[in-house]
Amino acid sequence: MAEQGGPATSEVLARAMDTNPVVLRRVMAGLRVQGYVQSEKGHGGGWTLACDLAKVTLRDIYAALGSPSLLAMGNRTEAPGCVVEQAVNAALGKSFDAAEALLLDRLGEVTLAALGEDVRARATVRGACRGGRKHG
């Protein structure tokens, strides 16, 4: 969106992310509540950034999206009375908590501005590798 130079519609953004515009609008609504984006209706409208990308981290975005589960693997709860499940959960619980805390710390170190710089650098290299054509 920072590279758009103007509002981008949900359809355009969804196409760029290979998702459904309805899904994208739900995500953007959460970001709008936190003041990271804004939207304008009507002809020429769409989504624009409403924040300083150097001050917003991936952790901020994670929180704005409702802090979804970070780890696909976690403690099991299918059979809470099962002593084997309890033992495994007890053994792994602290490790899962430590891994999640480490990941959240790292997300807090990456600003959207730094991420944008990395994307631009990779696009430049990729374009140079493909005879000057940029893809992304």
C-alpha atoms as a PDB file:
ATOM      1  CA  MET A   1       0.000   0.000   0.000  1.00  0.00           C
ATOM      2  CA  ALA A   2       2.924   2.342   0.671  1.00  0.00           C
ATOM      3  CA  GLU A   3       3.939   2.007  -2.963  1.00  0.00           C
ATOM      4  CA  GLN A   4       0.439   2.612  -4.367  1.00  0.00           C
ATOM      5  CA  GLY A   5       0.567   6.389  -4.423  1.00  0.00           C
ATOM      6  CA  GLY A   6      -3.160   6.552  -3.697  1.00  0.00           C
ATOM      7  CA  PRO A   7      -6.081   4.502  -2.433  1.00  0.00           C
ATOM      8  CA  ALA A   8      -6.179   0.805  -3.288  1.00  0.00           C
ATOM      9  CA  THR A   9      -9.475  -1.046  -3.490  1.00  0.00           C
ATOM     10  CA  SER A  10     -10.157  -4.223  -1.561  1.00  0.00           C
ATOM     11  CA  GLU A  11     -10.310  -6.082  -4.855  1.00  0.00           C
ATOM     12  CA  VAL A  12      -6.874  -4.890  -5.963  1.00  0.00           C
ATOM     13  CA  LEU A  13      -5.296  -5.674  -2.586  1.00  0.00           C
ATOM     14  CA  ALA A  14      -7.012  -9.061  -2.355  1.00  0.00           C
ATOM     15  CA  ARG A  15      -5.799  -9.983  -5.827  1.00  0.00           C
ATOM     16  CA  ALA A  16      -2.228  -9.027  -4.861  1.00  0.00           C
ATOM     17  CA  MET A  17      -2.473 -11.281  -1.793  1.00  0.00           C
ATOM     18  CA  ASP A  18      -4.349 -14.059  -3.553  1.00  0.00           C
ATOM     19  CA  THR A  19      -7.285 -13.914  -1.174  1.00  0.00           C
ATOM     20  CA  ASN A  20     -10.947 -12.979  -1.205  1.00  0.00           C
ATOM     21  CA  PRO A  21     -11.865  -9.266  -0.944  1.00  0.00           C
ATOM     22  CA  VAL A  22     -14.249 -10.069   1.926  1.00  0.00           C
ATOM     23  CA  VAL A  23     -11.398 -11.633   3.910  1.00  0.00           C
ATOM     24  CA  LEU A  24      -9.208  -8.654   3.164  1.00  0.00           C
ATOM     25  CA  ARG A  25     -11.912  -6.188   4.271  1.00  0.00           C
ATOM     26  CA  ARG A  26     -12.225  -8.030   7.607  1.00  0.00           C
ATOM     27  CA  VAL A  27      -8.485  -7.778   8.183  1.00  0.00           C
ATOM     28  CA  MET A  28      -8.401  -4.138   7.137  1.00  0.00           C
ATOM     29  CA  ALA A  29     -11.284  -3.321   9.470  1.00  0.00           C
ATOM     30  CA  GLY A  30      -9.160  -4.477  12.415  1.00  0.00           C
ATOM     31  CA  LEU A  31      -6.267  -2.354  11.211  1.00  0.00           C
ATOM     32  CA  ARG A  32      -8.576   0.642  10.726  1.00  0.00           C
ATOM     33  CA  VAL A  33      -9.802   0.421  14.329  1.00  0.00           C
ATOM     34  CA  GLN A  34      -6.192   0.785  15.484  1.00  0.00           C
ATOM     35  CA  GLY A  35      -5.575   3.719  13.137  1.00  0.00           C
ATOM     36  CA  TYR A  36      -3.121   1.950  10.833  1.00  0.00           C
ATOM     37  CA  VAL A  37      -5.259   2.340   7.697  1.00  0.00           C
ATOM     38  CA  GLN A  38      -8.215   4.402   6.579  1.00  0.00           C
ATOM     39  CA  SER A  39     -10.769   3.915   3.850  1.00  0.00           C
ATOM     40  CA  GLU A  40     -12.721   6.146   1.526  1.00  0.00           C
ATOM     41  CA  LYS A  41     -15.929   5.034  -0.169  1.00  0.00           C
ATOM     42  CA  GLY A  42     -17.004   5.829  -3.686  1.00  0.00           C
ATOM     43  CA  HIS A  43     -15.287   6.345  -7.002  1.00  0.00           C
ATOM     44  CA  GLY A  44     -11.550   6.768  -6.483  1.00  0.00           C
ATOM     45  CA  GLY A  45     -11.826   5.473  -2.931  1.00  0.00           C
ATOM     46  CA  GLY A  46     -10.112   2.576  -1.268  1.00  0.00           C
ATOM     47  CA  TRP A  47      -7.624   1.834   1.483  1.00  0.00           C
ATOM     48  CA  THR A  48      -4.670   4.033   2.392  1.00  0.00           C
ATOM     49  CA  LEU A  49      -2.088   3.945   5.139  1.00  0.00           C
ATOM     50  CA  ALA A  50      -2.749   6.190   8.117  1.00  0.00           C
ATOM     51  CA  CYS A  51       0.397   5.626  10.156  1.00  0.00           C
ATOM     52  CA  ASP A  52       4.136   6.140  10.193  1.00  0.00           C
ATOM     53  CA  LEU A  53       5.522   2.798   9.000  1.00  0.00           C
ATOM     54  CA  ALA A  54       8.716   3.375  10.990  1.00  0.00           C
ATOM     55  CA  LYS A  55       6.700   3.381  14.226  1.00  0.00           C
ATOM     56  CA  VAL A  56       4.520   0.313  13.613  1.00  0.00           C
ATOM     57  CA  THR A  57       5.889  -3.180  14.204  1.00  0.00           C
ATOM     58  CA  LEU A  58       4.710  -6.582  13.124  1.00  0.00           C
ATOM     59  CA  ARG A  59       3.769  -7.161  16.764  1.00  0.00           C
ATOM     60  CA  ASP A  60       1.468  -4.126  16.605  1.00  0.00           C
ATOM     61  CA  ILE A  61      -0.218  -5.602  13.530  1.00  0.00           C
ATOM     62  CA  TYR A  62      -0.470  -8.997  15.226  1.00  0.00           C
ATOM     63  CA  ALA A  63      -2.218  -7.363  18.195  1.00  0.00           C
ATOM     64  CA  ALA A  64      -4.510  -5.325  15.918  1.00  0.00           C
ATOM     65  CA  LEU A  65      -5.616  -8.561  14.257  1.00  0.00           C
ATOM     66  CA  GLY A  66      -6.707 -10.032  17.576  1.00  0.00           C
ATOM     67  CA  SER A  67      -3.513 -11.880  18.544  1.00  0.00           C
ATOM     68  CA  PRO A  68      -4.269 -15.123  16.681  1.00  0.00           C
ATOM     69  CA  SER A  69      -2.448 -18.304  17.634  1.00  0.00           C
ATOM     70  CA  LEU A  70       1.200 -18.117  16.610  1.00  0.00           C
ATOM     71  CA  LEU A  71       2.037 -21.798  16.829  1.00  0.00           C
ATOM     72  CA  ALA A  72       0.234 -24.449  14.839  1.00  0.00           C
ATOM     73  CA  MET A  73       1.381 -27.026  17.348  1.00  0.00           C
ATOM     74  CA  GLY A  74       0.347 -26.630  20.947  1.00  0.00           C
ATOM     75  CA  ASN A  75      -0.983 -28.436  23.962  1.00  0.00           C
ATOM     76  CA  ARG A  76      -3.704 -30.963  23.254  1.00  0.00           C
ATOM     77  CA  THR A  77      -7.110 -30.686  24.883  1.00  0.00           C
ATOM     78  CA  GLU A  78      -8.992 -33.562  23.257  1.00  0.00           C
ATOM     79  CA  ALA A  79      -8.939 -35.694  26.413  1.00  0.00           C
ATOM     80  CA  PRO A  80      -8.368 -33.477  29.461  1.00  0.00           C
ATOM     81  CA  GLY A  81      -8.707 -36.453  31.810  1.00  0.00           C
ATOM     82  CA  CYS A  82      -5.996 -38.436  30.028  1.00  0.00           C
ATOM     83  CA  VAL A  83      -2.855 -38.633  32.173  1.00  0.00           C
ATOM     84  CA  VAL A  84      -0.629 -39.083  29.110  1.00  0.00           C
ATOM     85  CA  GLU A  85      -2.030 -35.890  27.579  1.00  0.00           C
ATOM     86  CA  GLN A  86      -1.557 -34.105  30.890  1.00  0.00           C
ATOM     87  CA  ALA A  87       2.073 -35.239  31.145  1.00  0.00           C
ATOM     88  CA  VAL A  88       2.876 -34.217  27.568  1.00  0.00           C
ATOM     89  CA  ASN A  89       1.182 -30.847  28.036  1.00  0.00           C
ATOM     90  CA  ALA A  90       3.117 -30.245  31.262  1.00  0.00           C
ATOM     91  CA  ALA A  91       6.406 -31.171  29.605  1.00  0.00           C
ATOM     92  CA  LEU A  92       5.876 -29.006  26.543  1.00  0.00           C
ATOM     93  CA  GLY A  93       3.883 -26.092  27.987  1.00  0.00           C
ATOM     94  CA  LYS A  94       6.893 -24.021  29.091  1.00  0.00           C
ATOM     95  CA  SER A  95       8.636 -24.640  25.768  1.00  0.00           C
ATOM     96  CA  PHE A  96       5.593 -23.447  23.818  1.00  0.00           C
ATOM     97  CA  ASP A  97       5.334 -20.371  26.039  1.00  0.00           C
ATOM     98  CA  ALA A  98       9.051 -19.585  25.579  1.00  0.00           C
ATOM     99  CA  ALA A  99       8.843 -20.039  21.793  1.00  0.00           C
ATOM    100  CA  GLU A 100       5.818 -17.755  21.579  1.00  0.00           C
ATOM    101  CA  ALA A 101       7.486 -15.089  23.761  1.00  0.00           C
ATOM    102  CA  LEU A 102      10.600 -15.194  21.570  1.00  0.00           C
ATOM    103  CA  LEU A 103       8.549 -14.865  18.399  1.00  0.00           C
ATOM    104  CA  LEU A 104       6.545 -11.949  19.837  1.00  0.00           C
ATOM    105  CA  ASP A 105       9.779 -10.210  20.820  1.00  0.00           C
ATOM    106  CA  ARG A 106      11.103 -10.619  17.286  1.00  0.00           C
ATOM    107  CA  LEU A 107       7.847  -9.304  15.791  1.00  0.00           C
ATOM    108  CA  GLY A 108       8.298  -6.241  17.999  1.00  0.00           C
ATOM    109  CA  GLU A 109      11.705  -5.580  16.423  1.00  0.00           C
ATOM    110  CA  VAL A 110      10.503  -5.479  12.801  1.00  0.00           C
ATOM    111  CA  THR A 111       8.928  -2.221  11.674  1.00  0.00           C
ATOM    112  CA  LEU A 112       6.727  -1.982   8.615  1.00  0.00           C
ATOM    113  CA  ALA A 113       9.256   0.480   7.179  1.00  0.00           C
ATOM    114  CA  ALA A 114      12.075  -2.078   7.504  1.00  0.00           C
ATOM    115  CA  LEU A 115       9.864  -4.729   5.957  1.00  0.00           C
ATOM    116  CA  GLY A 116       9.065  -2.387   3.055  1.00  0.00           C
ATOM    117  CA  GLU A 117      12.765  -1.688   2.485  1.00  0.00           C
ATOM    118  CA  ASP A 118      13.457  -5.425   2.376  1.00  0.00           C
ATOM    119  CA  VAL A 119      10.628  -5.990  -0.120  1.00  0.00           C
ATOM    120  CA  ARG A 120      11.935  -3.218  -2.380  1.00  0.00           C
ATOM    121  CA  ALA A 121      15.484  -4.607  -2.240  1.00  0.00           C
ATOM    122  CA  ARG A 122      14.284  -8.121  -3.063  1.00  0.00           C
ATOM    123  CA  ALA A 123      12.131  -6.838  -5.921  1.00  0.00           C
ATOM    124  CA  THR A 124      15.122  -4.984  -7.349  1.00  0.00           C
ATOM    125  CA  VAL A 125      17.308  -8.094  -7.198  1.00  0.00           C
ATOM    126  CA  ARG A 126      14.531 -10.250  -8.602  1.00  0.00           C
ATOM    127  CA  GLY A 127      13.973  -7.783 -11.440  1.00  0.00           C
ATOM    128  CA  ALA A 128      17.698  -7.782 -12.224  1.00  0.00           C
ATOM    129  CA  CYS A 129      17.678 -11.579 -12.281  1.00  0.00           C
ATOM    130  CA  ARG A 130      14.834 -11.597 -14.807  1.00  0.00           C
ATOM    131  CA  GLY A 131      16.179  -9.158 -17.318  1.00  0.00           C
ATOM    132  CA  GLY A 132      14.858  -6.066 -15.584  1.00  0.00           C
ATOM    133  CA  ARG A 133      11.239  -7.210 -15.177  1.00  0.00           C
ATOM    134  CA  LYS A 134       9.840  -6.726 -11.695  1.00  0.00           C
ATOM    135  CA  HIS A 135       7.362  -9.191 -10.254  1.00  0.00           C
ATOM    136  CA  GLY A 136       5.790  -9.347  -6.895  1.00  0.00           C
END
